Amino acid sequence: MQSAALLEKEVSDLRAENEKKKQKRTRSTRTIVHEGDLSVQEVRELRSEPFEAQVARINNY
């Protein structure tokens, strides 16, 4: 009975750790390259655009 409870806790801990690692992998690690300063609104717009659109937008400056 105790071993079942221990196994259940271990499985729960492993699942929580796995979920944390999964979220970390899916988090964006892209950096926004831009000359000069950006306003908060400009950063929000860049983050919401696809990467290709960001590159095209920055190259047009």
PDB file of N, CA and C in Angstrom:
ATOM      1  N   MET A   1       0.819  -1.190   0.000  1.00  0.00           N
ATOM      2  CA  MET A   1       0.000   0.000   0.000  1.00  0.00           C
ATOM      3  C   MET A   1       0.868   1.261   0.000  1.00  0.00           C
ATOM      4  N   GLN A   2       1.910   1.254   0.851  1.00  0.00           N
ATOM      5  CA  GLN A   2       2.792   2.417   0.901  1.00  0.00           C
ATOM      6  C   GLN A   2       3.551   2.589  -0.407  1.00  0.00           C
ATOM      7  N   SER A   3       3.975   1.480  -0.994  1.00  0.00           N
ATOM      8  CA  SER A   3       4.733   1.584  -2.241  1.00  0.00           C
ATOM      9  C   SER A   3       3.862   2.161  -3.355  1.00  0.00           C
ATOM     10  N   ALA A   4       2.577   1.854  -3.360  1.00  0.00           N
ATOM     11  CA  ALA A   4       1.676   2.416  -4.370  1.00  0.00           C
ATOM     12  C   ALA A   4       1.561   3.927  -4.186  1.00  0.00           C
ATOM     13  N   ALA A   5       1.482   4.373  -2.944  1.00  0.00           N
ATOM     14  CA  ALA A   5       1.398   5.809  -2.671  1.00  0.00           C
ATOM     15  C   ALA A   5       2.698   6.503  -3.067  1.00  0.00           C
ATOM     16  N   LEU A   6       3.823   5.870  -2.779  1.00  0.00           N
ATOM     17  CA  LEU A   6       5.114   6.446  -3.155  1.00  0.00           C
ATOM     18  C   LEU A   6       5.262   6.522  -4.670  1.00  0.00           C
ATOM     19  N   LEU A   7       4.849   5.463  -5.353  1.00  0.00           N
ATOM     20  CA  LEU A   7       4.918   5.459  -6.817  1.00  0.00           C
ATOM     21  C   LEU A   7       4.014   6.538  -7.407  1.00  0.00           C
ATOM     22  N   GLU A   8       2.840   6.692  -6.829  1.00  0.00           N
ATOM     23  CA  GLU A   8       1.900   7.702  -7.314  1.00  0.00           C
ATOM     24  C   GLU A   8       2.490   9.107  -7.142  1.00  0.00           C
ATOM     25  N   LYS A   9       3.119   9.363  -6.008  1.00  0.00           N
ATOM     26  CA  LYS A   9       3.754  10.667  -5.764  1.00  0.00           C
ATOM     27  C   LYS A   9       4.913  10.882  -6.738  1.00  0.00           C
ATOM     28  N   GLU A  10       5.713   9.844  -6.945  1.00  0.00           N
ATOM     29  CA  GLU A  10       6.846   9.960  -7.856  1.00  0.00           C
ATOM     30  C   GLU A  10       6.374  10.250  -9.282  1.00  0.00           C
ATOM     31  N   VAL A  11       5.337   9.565  -9.721  1.00  0.00           N
ATOM     32  CA  VAL A  11       4.787   9.797 -11.058  1.00  0.00           C
ATOM     33  C   VAL A  11       4.270  11.228 -11.166  1.00  0.00           C
ATOM     34  N   SER A  12       3.595  11.689 -10.127  1.00  0.00           N
ATOM     35  CA  SER A  12       3.075  13.053 -10.118  1.00  0.00           C
ATOM     36  C   SER A  12       4.210  14.070 -10.214  1.00  0.00           C
ATOM     37  N   ASP A  13       5.272  13.853  -9.439  1.00  0.00           N
ATOM     38  CA  ASP A  13       6.427  14.754  -9.475  1.00  0.00           C
ATOM     39  C   ASP A  13       7.095  14.750 -10.846  1.00  0.00           C
ATOM     40  N   LEU A  14       7.243  13.572 -11.429  1.00  0.00           N
ATOM     41  CA  LEU A  14       7.868  13.469 -12.749  1.00  0.00           C
ATOM     42  C   LEU A  14       7.026  14.154 -13.821  1.00  0.00           C
ATOM     43  N   ARG A  15       5.723  14.008 -13.728  1.00  0.00           N
ATOM     44  CA  ARG A  15       4.840  14.666 -14.706  1.00  0.00           C
ATOM     45  C   ARG A  15       4.930  16.183 -14.579  1.00  0.00           C
ATOM     46  N   ALA A  16       4.978  16.677 -13.349  1.00  0.00           N
ATOM     47  CA  ALA A  16       5.090  18.122 -13.135  1.00  0.00           C
ATOM     48  C   ALA A  16       6.413  18.643 -13.693  1.00  0.00           C
ATOM     49  N   GLU A  17       7.487  17.922 -13.443  1.00  0.00           N
ATOM     50  CA  GLU A  17       8.801  18.319 -13.954  1.00  0.00           C
ATOM     51  C   GLU A  17       8.824  18.273 -15.479  1.00  0.00           C
ATOM     52  N   ASN A  18       8.218  17.251 -16.043  1.00  0.00           N
ATOM     53  CA  ASN A  18       8.151  17.120 -17.501  1.00  0.00           C
ATOM     54  C   ASN A  18       7.368  18.283 -18.112  1.00  0.00           C
ATOM     55  N   GLU A  19       6.263  18.658 -17.487  1.00  0.00           N
ATOM     56  CA  GLU A  19       5.451  19.765 -17.987  1.00  0.00           C
ATOM     57  C   GLU A  19       6.242  21.073 -17.936  1.00  0.00           C
ATOM     58  N   LYS A  20       7.003  21.273 -16.873  1.00  0.00           N
ATOM     59  CA  LYS A  20       7.819  22.474 -16.733  1.00  0.00           C
ATOM     60  C   LYS A  20       8.873  22.537 -17.842  1.00  0.00           C
ATOM     61  N   LYS A  21       9.527  21.405 -18.112  1.00  0.00           N
ATOM     62  CA  LYS A  21      10.543  21.352 -19.172  1.00  0.00           C
ATOM     63  C   LYS A  21       9.909  21.570 -20.543  1.00  0.00           C
ATOM     64  N   LYS A  22       8.720  21.020 -20.737  1.00  0.00           N
ATOM     65  CA  LYS A  22       8.011  21.166 -22.004  1.00  0.00           C
ATOM     66  C   LYS A  22       7.679  22.638 -22.259  1.00  0.00           C
ATOM     67  N   GLN A  23       7.203  23.332 -21.227  1.00  0.00           N
ATOM     68  CA  GLN A  23       6.889  24.751 -21.372  1.00  0.00           C
ATOM     69  C   GLN A  23       8.145  25.561 -21.657  1.00  0.00           C
ATOM     70  N   LYS A  24       9.239  25.192 -21.033  1.00  0.00           N
ATOM     71  CA  LYS A  24      10.496  25.903 -21.260  1.00  0.00           C
ATOM     72  C   LYS A  24      10.961  25.735 -22.703  1.00  0.00           C
ATOM     73  N   ARG A  25      10.791  24.530 -23.262  1.00  0.00           N
ATOM     74  CA  ARG A  25      11.190  24.283 -24.652  1.00  0.00           C
ATOM     75  C   ARG A  25      10.352  25.090 -25.628  1.00  0.00           C
ATOM     76  N   THR A  26       9.068  25.259 -25.328  1.00  0.00           N
ATOM     77  CA  THR A  26       8.186  25.945 -26.265  1.00  0.00           C
ATOM     78  C   THR A  26       8.253  27.460 -26.132  1.00  0.00           C
ATOM     79  N   ARG A  27       8.865  27.957 -25.065  1.00  0.00           N
ATOM     80  CA  ARG A  27       9.004  29.393 -24.882  1.00  0.00           C
ATOM     81  C   ARG A  27       9.883  29.966 -25.982  1.00  0.00           C
ATOM     82  N   SER A  28       9.525  31.118 -26.463  1.00  0.00           N
ATOM     83  CA  SER A  28      10.297  31.752 -27.530  1.00  0.00           C
ATOM     84  C   SER A  28      11.647  32.217 -27.006  1.00  0.00           C
ATOM     85  N   THR A  29      12.686  31.930 -27.757  1.00  0.00           N
ATOM     86  CA  THR A  29      14.028  32.369 -27.383  1.00  0.00           C
ATOM     87  C   THR A  29      14.580  33.342 -28.417  1.00  0.00           C
ATOM     88  N   ARG A  30      13.724  33.770 -29.340  1.00  0.00           N
ATOM     89  CA  ARG A  30      14.151  34.718 -30.363  1.00  0.00           C
ATOM     90  C   ARG A  30      14.478  36.064 -29.735  1.00  0.00           C
ATOM     91  N   THR A  31      15.458  36.733 -30.278  1.00  0.00           N
ATOM     92  CA  THR A  31      15.757  38.091 -29.848  1.00  0.00           C
ATOM     93  C   THR A  31      15.328  39.044 -30.946  1.00  0.00           C
ATOM     94  N   ILE A  32      14.929  40.210 -30.539  1.00  0.00           N
ATOM     95  CA  ILE A  32      14.504  41.221 -31.497  1.00  0.00           C
ATOM     96  C   ILE A  32      15.698  42.129 -31.762  1.00  0.00           C
ATOM     97  N   VAL A  33      16.165  42.112 -33.009  1.00  0.00           N
ATOM     98  CA  VAL A  33      17.318  42.917 -33.389  1.00  0.00           C
ATOM     99  C   VAL A  33      16.802  44.190 -34.039  1.00  0.00           C
ATOM    100  N   HIS A  34      17.204  45.309 -33.494  1.00  0.00           N
ATOM    101  CA  HIS A  34      16.739  46.580 -34.032  1.00  0.00           C
ATOM    102  C   HIS A  34      17.730  47.658 -33.623  1.00  0.00           C
ATOM    103  N   GLU A  35      18.010  48.555 -34.528  1.00  0.00           N
ATOM    104  CA  GLU A  35      18.895  49.680 -34.214  1.00  0.00           C
ATOM    105  C   GLU A  35      18.076  50.749 -33.504  1.00  0.00           C
ATOM    106  N   GLY A  36      18.600  51.307 -32.451  1.00  0.00           N
ATOM    107  CA  GLY A  36      17.913  52.383 -31.746  1.00  0.00           C
ATOM    108  C   GLY A  36      16.958  51.855 -30.693  1.00  0.00           C
ATOM    109  N   ASP A  37      16.121  52.758 -30.212  1.00  0.00           N
ATOM    110  CA  ASP A  37      15.182  52.414 -29.150  1.00  0.00           C
ATOM    111  C   ASP A  37      13.834  52.012 -29.727  1.00  0.00           C
ATOM    112  N   LEU A  38      13.143  51.155 -28.992  1.00  0.00           N
ATOM    113  CA  LEU A  38      11.801  50.732 -29.376  1.00  0.00           C
ATOM    114  C   LEU A  38      10.827  51.125 -28.276  1.00  0.00           C
ATOM    115  N   SER A  39       9.638  51.535 -28.682  1.00  0.00           N
ATOM    116  CA  SER A  39       8.601  51.795 -27.689  1.00  0.00           C
ATOM    117  C   SER A  39       7.969  50.465 -27.292  1.00  0.00           C
ATOM    118  N   VAL A  40       7.217  50.479 -26.219  1.00  0.00           N
ATOM    119  CA  VAL A  40       6.536  49.269 -25.760  1.00  0.00           C
ATOM    120  C   VAL A  40       5.592  48.782 -26.846  1.00  0.00           C
ATOM    121  N   GLN A  41       4.892  49.703 -27.487  1.00  0.00           N
ATOM    122  CA  GLN A  41       3.951  49.328 -28.537  1.00  0.00           C
ATOM    123  C   GLN A  41       4.677  48.671 -29.709  1.00  0.00           C
ATOM    124  N   GLU A  42       5.840  49.197 -30.088  1.00  0.00           N
ATOM    125  CA  GLU A  42       6.604  48.607 -31.193  1.00  0.00           C
ATOM    126  C   GLU A  42       7.066  47.191 -30.855  1.00  0.00           C
ATOM    127  N   VAL A  43       7.474  46.980 -29.618  1.00  0.00           N
ATOM    128  CA  VAL A  43       7.891  45.636 -29.197  1.00  0.00           C
ATOM    129  C   VAL A  43       6.710  44.683 -29.261  1.00  0.00           C
ATOM    130  N   ARG A  44       5.557  45.117 -28.793  1.00  0.00           N
ATOM    131  CA  ARG A  44       4.359  44.257 -28.841  1.00  0.00           C
ATOM    132  C   ARG A  44       4.010  43.895 -30.278  1.00  0.00           C
ATOM    133  N   GLU A  45       4.110  44.875 -31.173  1.00  0.00           N
ATOM    134  CA  GLU A  45       3.815  44.614 -32.580  1.00  0.00           C
ATOM    135  C   GLU A  45       4.810  43.619 -33.171  1.00  0.00           C
ATOM    136  N   LEU A  46       6.087  43.797 -32.853  1.00  0.00           N
ATOM    137  CA  LEU A  46       7.102  42.876 -33.369  1.00  0.00           C
ATOM    138  C   LEU A  46       6.885  41.467 -32.841  1.00  0.00           C
ATOM    139  N   ARG A  47       6.522  41.338 -31.582  1.00  0.00           N
ATOM    140  CA  ARG A  47       6.335  40.009 -30.993  1.00  0.00           C
ATOM    141  C   ARG A  47       5.113  39.312 -31.574  1.00  0.00           C
ATOM    142  N   SER A  48       4.124  40.077 -32.019  1.00  0.00           N
ATOM    143  CA  SER A  48       2.912  39.452 -32.543  1.00  0.00           C
ATOM    144  C   SER A  48       3.040  39.092 -34.027  1.00  0.00           C
ATOM    145  N   GLU A  49       4.048  39.645 -34.708  1.00  0.00           N
ATOM    146  CA  GLU A  49       4.247  39.365 -36.131  1.00  0.00           C
ATOM    147  C   GLU A  49       5.046  38.086 -36.329  1.00  0.00           C
ATOM    148  N   PRO A  50       4.832  37.405 -37.453  1.00  0.00           N
ATOM    149  CA  PRO A  50       5.693  36.264 -37.800  1.00  0.00           C
ATOM    150  C   PRO A  50       7.129  36.754 -38.016  1.00  0.00           C
ATOM    151  N   PHE A  51       8.069  35.870 -37.851  1.00  0.00           N
ATOM    152  CA  PHE A  51       9.489  36.227 -37.932  1.00  0.00           C
ATOM    153  C   PHE A  51       9.838  36.852 -39.277  1.00  0.00           C
ATOM    154  N   GLU A  52       9.335  36.299 -40.374  1.00  0.00           N
ATOM    155  CA  GLU A  52       9.660  36.811 -41.700  1.00  0.00           C
ATOM    156  C   GLU A  52       9.180  38.253 -41.858  1.00  0.00           C
ATOM    157  N   ALA A  53       8.011  38.553 -41.311  1.00  0.00           N
ATOM    158  CA  ALA A  53       7.485  39.915 -41.389  1.00  0.00           C
ATOM    159  C   ALA A  53       8.354  40.870 -40.581  1.00  0.00           C
ATOM    160  N   GLN A  54       8.878  40.397 -39.460  1.00  0.00           N
ATOM    161  CA  GLN A  54       9.763  41.230 -38.643  1.00  0.00           C
ATOM    162  C   GLN A  54      11.030  41.578 -39.416  1.00  0.00           C
ATOM    163  N   VAL A  55      11.612  40.580 -40.065  1.00  0.00           N
ATOM    164  CA  VAL A  55      12.846  40.800 -40.823  1.00  0.00           C
ATOM    165  C   VAL A  55      12.594  41.804 -41.938  1.00  0.00           C
ATOM    166  N   ALA A  56      11.499  41.645 -42.663  1.00  0.00           N
ATOM    167  CA  ALA A  56      11.177  42.559 -43.755  1.00  0.00           C
ATOM    168  C   ALA A  56      10.960  43.973 -43.227  1.00  0.00           C
ATOM    169  N   ARG A  57      10.278  44.079 -42.106  1.00  0.00           N
ATOM    170  CA  ARG A  57       9.997  45.389 -41.518  1.00  0.00           C
ATOM    171  C   ARG A  57      11.287  46.079 -41.072  1.00  0.00           C
ATOM    172  N   ILE A  58      12.170  45.331 -40.440  1.00  0.00           N
ATOM    173  CA  ILE A  58      13.430  45.906 -39.957  1.00  0.00           C
ATOM    174  C   ILE A  58      14.322  46.294 -41.129  1.00  0.00           C
ATOM    175  N   ASN A  59      14.342  45.485 -42.180  1.00  0.00           N
ATOM    176  CA  ASN A  59      15.173  45.788 -43.347  1.00  0.00           C
ATOM    177  C   ASN A  59      14.692  47.023 -44.092  1.00  0.00           C
ATOM    178  N   ASN A  60      13.431  47.403 -43.930  1.00  0.00           N
ATOM    179  CA  ASN A  60      12.892  48.585 -44.601  1.00  0.00           C
ATOM    180  C   ASN A  60      13.283  49.879 -43.905  1.00  0.00           C
ATOM    181  N   TYR A  61      13.804  49.828 -42.698  1.00  0.00           N
ATOM    182  CA  TYR A  61      14.201  51.044 -41.976  1.00  0.00           C
ATOM    183  C   TYR A  61      15.402  51.673 -42.597  1.00  0.00           C
TER     184      TYR A  61
END
